[in-house]
């Protein structure tokens, strides 16, 4: 199964509470933090919520 490398590129300051909580749920605490998650529909949905704050790459 493929994996997603998710990097926070913008701060969550000034955005809605649910978007800040989504960043936390993904494991991103500050700018330029990177996490690697399994490519699952739940993770894709979280990324779609904060797509303007993160960059996503597929890794093997």
Protein backbone atom coordinates (compact mmCIF):
# COMPACT_ATOMS: atom_id res chain seq x y z
CA UNK A 1 0.00 0.00 0.00
CA UNK A 2 1.29 3.44 -0.82
CA UNK A 3 2.04 6.10 1.74
CA UNK A 4 1.61 9.86 1.84
CA UNK A 5 4.27 12.31 3.00
CA UNK A 6 2.41 15.31 4.43
CA UNK A 7 4.29 18.54 5.23
CA UNK A 8 2.75 21.60 6.86
CA UNK A 9 3.66 24.66 4.77
CA UNK A 10 1.44 27.35 6.32
CA UNK A 11 0.44 28.19 9.87
CA UNK A 12 -3.02 27.32 11.17
CA UNK A 13 -3.32 30.72 12.86
CA UNK A 14 -6.37 32.59 11.63
CA UNK A 15 -8.12 29.52 10.24
CA UNK A 16 -11.18 27.70 11.57
CA UNK A 17 -10.93 25.55 14.67
CA UNK A 18 -11.72 22.35 12.79
CA UNK A 19 -8.79 22.97 10.44
CA UNK A 20 -6.39 23.47 13.36
CA UNK A 21 -7.71 20.26 14.95
CA UNK A 22 -7.24 18.40 11.67
CA UNK A 23 -3.59 19.46 11.56
CA UNK A 24 -3.18 18.12 15.12
CA UNK A 25 -4.93 14.86 14.19
CA UNK A 26 -2.50 14.39 11.33
CA UNK A 27 0.36 14.84 13.81
CA UNK A 28 1.49 18.25 12.55
CA UNK A 29 2.39 20.62 15.38
CA UNK A 30 4.34 23.41 13.68
CA UNK A 31 5.37 24.63 10.27
CA UNK A 32 7.66 22.37 8.24
CA UNK A 33 6.69 19.30 10.30
CA UNK A 34 6.45 16.19 8.15
CA UNK A 35 4.57 12.96 8.78
CA UNK A 36 4.20 9.80 6.70
CA UNK A 37 0.76 8.19 6.78
CA UNK A 38 -0.87 5.25 5.01
CA UNK A 39 -2.89 6.28 1.95
CA UNK A 40 -6.41 5.64 3.28
CA UNK A 41 -9.71 7.42 2.62
CA UNK A 42 -9.74 8.84 6.17
CA UNK A 43 -6.34 10.44 5.72
CA UNK A 44 -7.27 11.74 2.25
CA UNK A 45 -10.35 13.40 3.78
CA UNK A 46 -8.26 15.09 6.46
CA UNK A 47 -5.80 16.32 3.83
CA UNK A 48 -8.68 17.68 1.74
CA UNK A 49 -9.79 19.76 4.75
CA UNK A 50 -6.38 21.44 5.09
CA UNK A 51 -5.10 21.22 1.50
CA UNK A 52 -4.28 24.96 1.55
CA UNK A 53 -1.99 24.48 4.59
CA UNK A 54 -0.04 21.35 3.56
CA UNK A 55 1.80 19.73 0.66
CA UNK A 56 1.34 16.05 -0.10
CA UNK A 57 3.65 13.62 -1.88
CA UNK A 58 3.27 9.91 -2.52
CA UNK A 59 6.16 7.76 -1.31
CA UNK A 60 6.79 4.02 -1.54
